[in-house]
C-alpha cells in the first residue's frame, strides 16, 4: 500500500485523479453529482467551489473520506 499526499492539489484536481484511478470520465462523475460536465470542468479548474453536498456525494462515490477530497488527509492506494 502506498500513500499519496494531496495537500498541494485542489479538490477538483483530486476528483480528476480519483476518476482516473477508477477509469471513469469526468462526464460520468458530473452525472453522479447531478451537474453538467461544463460545471464540473469549472469546479475542477478551481473557478467554482464544490458544495458540501457534492463533496459528500463524491466521497461516498469514491469510497474515501471527505477530508481526502478537501486535501486534508492523504489517500491510501492499495
C-alpha atoms as a PDB file:
ATOM      1  CA  UNK A   1       0.000   0.000   0.000  1.00  0.00           C
ATOM      2  CA  UNK A   2       1.251   3.497  -0.783  1.00  0.00           C
ATOM      3  CA  UNK A   3       0.156   6.899   0.433  1.00  0.00           C
ATOM      4  CA  UNK A   4      -0.465   9.780  -1.925  1.00  0.00           C
ATOM      5  CA  UNK A   5      -0.155  13.256  -0.403  1.00  0.00           C
ATOM      6  CA  UNK A   6      -2.794  15.533  -1.855  1.00  0.00           C
ATOM      7  CA  UNK A   7      -2.235  18.706   0.145  1.00  0.00           C
ATOM      8  CA  UNK A   8      -0.883  20.617  -2.861  1.00  0.00           C
ATOM      9  CA  UNK A   9      -3.912  19.823  -5.029  1.00  0.00           C
ATOM     10  CA  UNK A  10      -7.317  21.491  -5.029  1.00  0.00           C
ATOM     11  CA  UNK A  11     -10.490  19.427  -4.684  1.00  0.00           C
ATOM     12  CA  UNK A  12     -11.061  19.434  -8.431  1.00  0.00           C
ATOM     13  CA  UNK A  13      -7.614  18.059  -9.161  1.00  0.00           C
ATOM     14  CA  UNK A  14      -8.182  15.340  -6.565  1.00  0.00           C
ATOM     15  CA  UNK A  15     -11.528  14.436  -8.175  1.00  0.00           C
ATOM     16  CA  UNK A  16      -9.799  14.197 -11.574  1.00  0.00           C
ATOM     17  CA  UNK A  17      -7.160  11.850 -10.149  1.00  0.00           C
ATOM     18  CA  UNK A  18      -9.712   9.654  -8.395  1.00  0.00           C
ATOM     19  CA  UNK A  19     -11.787   9.457 -11.570  1.00  0.00           C
ATOM     20  CA  UNK A  20      -8.676   8.399 -13.477  1.00  0.00           C
ATOM     21  CA  UNK A  21      -7.806   5.770 -10.871  1.00  0.00           C
ATOM     22  CA  UNK A  22     -11.324   4.355 -11.249  1.00  0.00           C
ATOM     23  CA  UNK A  23     -11.341   4.540 -15.060  1.00  0.00           C
ATOM     24  CA  UNK A  24     -14.251   6.980 -15.068  1.00  0.00           C
ATOM     25  CA  UNK A  25     -14.748  10.001 -17.285  1.00  0.00           C
ATOM     26  CA  UNK A  26     -15.476  13.434 -15.895  1.00  0.00           C
ATOM     27  CA  UNK A  27     -18.806  13.258 -17.729  1.00  0.00           C
ATOM     28  CA  UNK A  28     -19.693  10.197 -15.622  1.00  0.00           C
ATOM     29  CA  UNK A  29     -18.619  11.985 -12.438  1.00  0.00           C
ATOM     30  CA  UNK A  30     -20.714  15.031 -13.368  1.00  0.00           C
ATOM     31  CA  UNK A  31     -23.739  12.746 -13.725  1.00  0.00           C
ATOM     32  CA  UNK A  32     -23.012  11.186 -10.348  1.00  0.00           C
ATOM     33  CA  UNK A  33     -23.287  14.530  -8.590  1.00  0.00           C
ATOM     34  CA  UNK A  34     -26.069  15.863 -10.824  1.00  0.00           C
ATOM     35  CA  UNK A  35     -24.264  18.716 -12.571  1.00  0.00           C
ATOM     36  CA  UNK A  36     -23.286  19.403 -16.155  1.00  0.00           C
ATOM     37  CA  UNK A  37     -19.856  18.408 -17.445  1.00  0.00           C
ATOM     38  CA  UNK A  38     -19.192  22.127 -18.015  1.00  0.00           C
ATOM     39  CA  UNK A  39     -19.908  22.930 -14.351  1.00  0.00           C
ATOM     40  CA  UNK A  40     -17.651  20.072 -13.251  1.00  0.00           C
ATOM     41  CA  UNK A  41     -14.903  21.395 -15.506  1.00  0.00           C
ATOM     42  CA  UNK A  42     -15.158  24.787 -13.800  1.00  0.00           C
ATOM     43  CA  UNK A  43     -15.075  23.138 -10.363  1.00  0.00           C
ATOM     44  CA  UNK A  44     -12.049  21.025 -11.312  1.00  0.00           C
ATOM     45  CA  UNK A  45     -10.197  24.120 -12.511  1.00  0.00           C
ATOM     46  CA  UNK A  46     -10.923  25.889  -9.223  1.00  0.00           C
ATOM     47  CA  UNK A  47     -13.125  28.623 -10.694  1.00  0.00           C
ATOM     48  CA  UNK A  48     -16.160  27.366  -8.747  1.00  0.00           C
ATOM     49  CA  UNK A  49     -16.098  25.556  -5.400  1.00  0.00           C
ATOM     50  CA  UNK A  50     -17.748  22.218  -4.737  1.00  0.00           C
ATOM     51  CA  UNK A  51     -20.710  22.382  -2.359  1.00  0.00           C
ATOM     52  CA  UNK A  52     -20.654  20.392   0.874  1.00  0.00           C
ATOM     53  CA  UNK A  53     -23.314  18.084  -0.592  1.00  0.00           C
ATOM     54  CA  UNK A  54     -21.217  17.476  -3.720  1.00  0.00           C
ATOM     55  CA  UNK A  55     -18.143  16.683  -1.603  1.00  0.00           C
ATOM     56  CA  UNK A  56     -20.199  14.236   0.483  1.00  0.00           C
ATOM     57  CA  UNK A  57     -21.609  12.554  -2.640  1.00  0.00           C
ATOM     58  CA  UNK A  58     -18.163  12.294  -4.238  1.00  0.00           C
ATOM     59  CA  UNK A  59     -16.630  10.917  -1.038  1.00  0.00           C
ATOM     60  CA  UNK A  60     -19.279   8.208  -0.946  1.00  0.00           C
ATOM     61  CA  UNK A  61     -18.876   7.510  -4.668  1.00  0.00           C
ATOM     62  CA  UNK A  62     -15.086   7.161  -4.418  1.00  0.00           C
ATOM     63  CA  UNK A  63     -15.276   5.437  -1.011  1.00  0.00           C
ATOM     64  CA  UNK A  64     -12.916   7.961   0.603  1.00  0.00           C
ATOM     65  CA  UNK A  65     -13.252  10.389   3.489  1.00  0.00           C
ATOM     66  CA  UNK A  66     -14.382  13.921   2.680  1.00  0.00           C
ATOM     67  CA  UNK A  67     -11.067  15.114   4.107  1.00  0.00           C
ATOM     68  CA  UNK A  68      -9.280  13.326   1.259  1.00  0.00           C
ATOM     69  CA  UNK A  69     -11.254  15.345  -1.294  1.00  0.00           C
ATOM     70  CA  UNK A  70     -10.516  18.530   0.614  1.00  0.00           C
ATOM     71  CA  UNK A  71      -6.774  17.752   0.640  1.00  0.00           C
ATOM     72  CA  UNK A  72      -6.698  17.447   4.425  1.00  0.00           C
ATOM     73  CA  UNK A  73      -5.893  13.730   4.564  1.00  0.00           C
ATOM     74  CA  UNK A  74      -3.653  11.512   2.438  1.00  0.00           C
ATOM     75  CA  UNK A  75      -5.099   8.979   0.048  1.00  0.00           C
ATOM     76  CA  UNK A  76      -4.010   5.424   0.679  1.00  0.00           C
ATOM     77  CA  UNK A  77      -3.783   3.399  -2.507  1.00  0.00           C
ATOM     78  CA  UNK A  78      -3.805  -0.373  -2.300  1.00  0.00           C
END
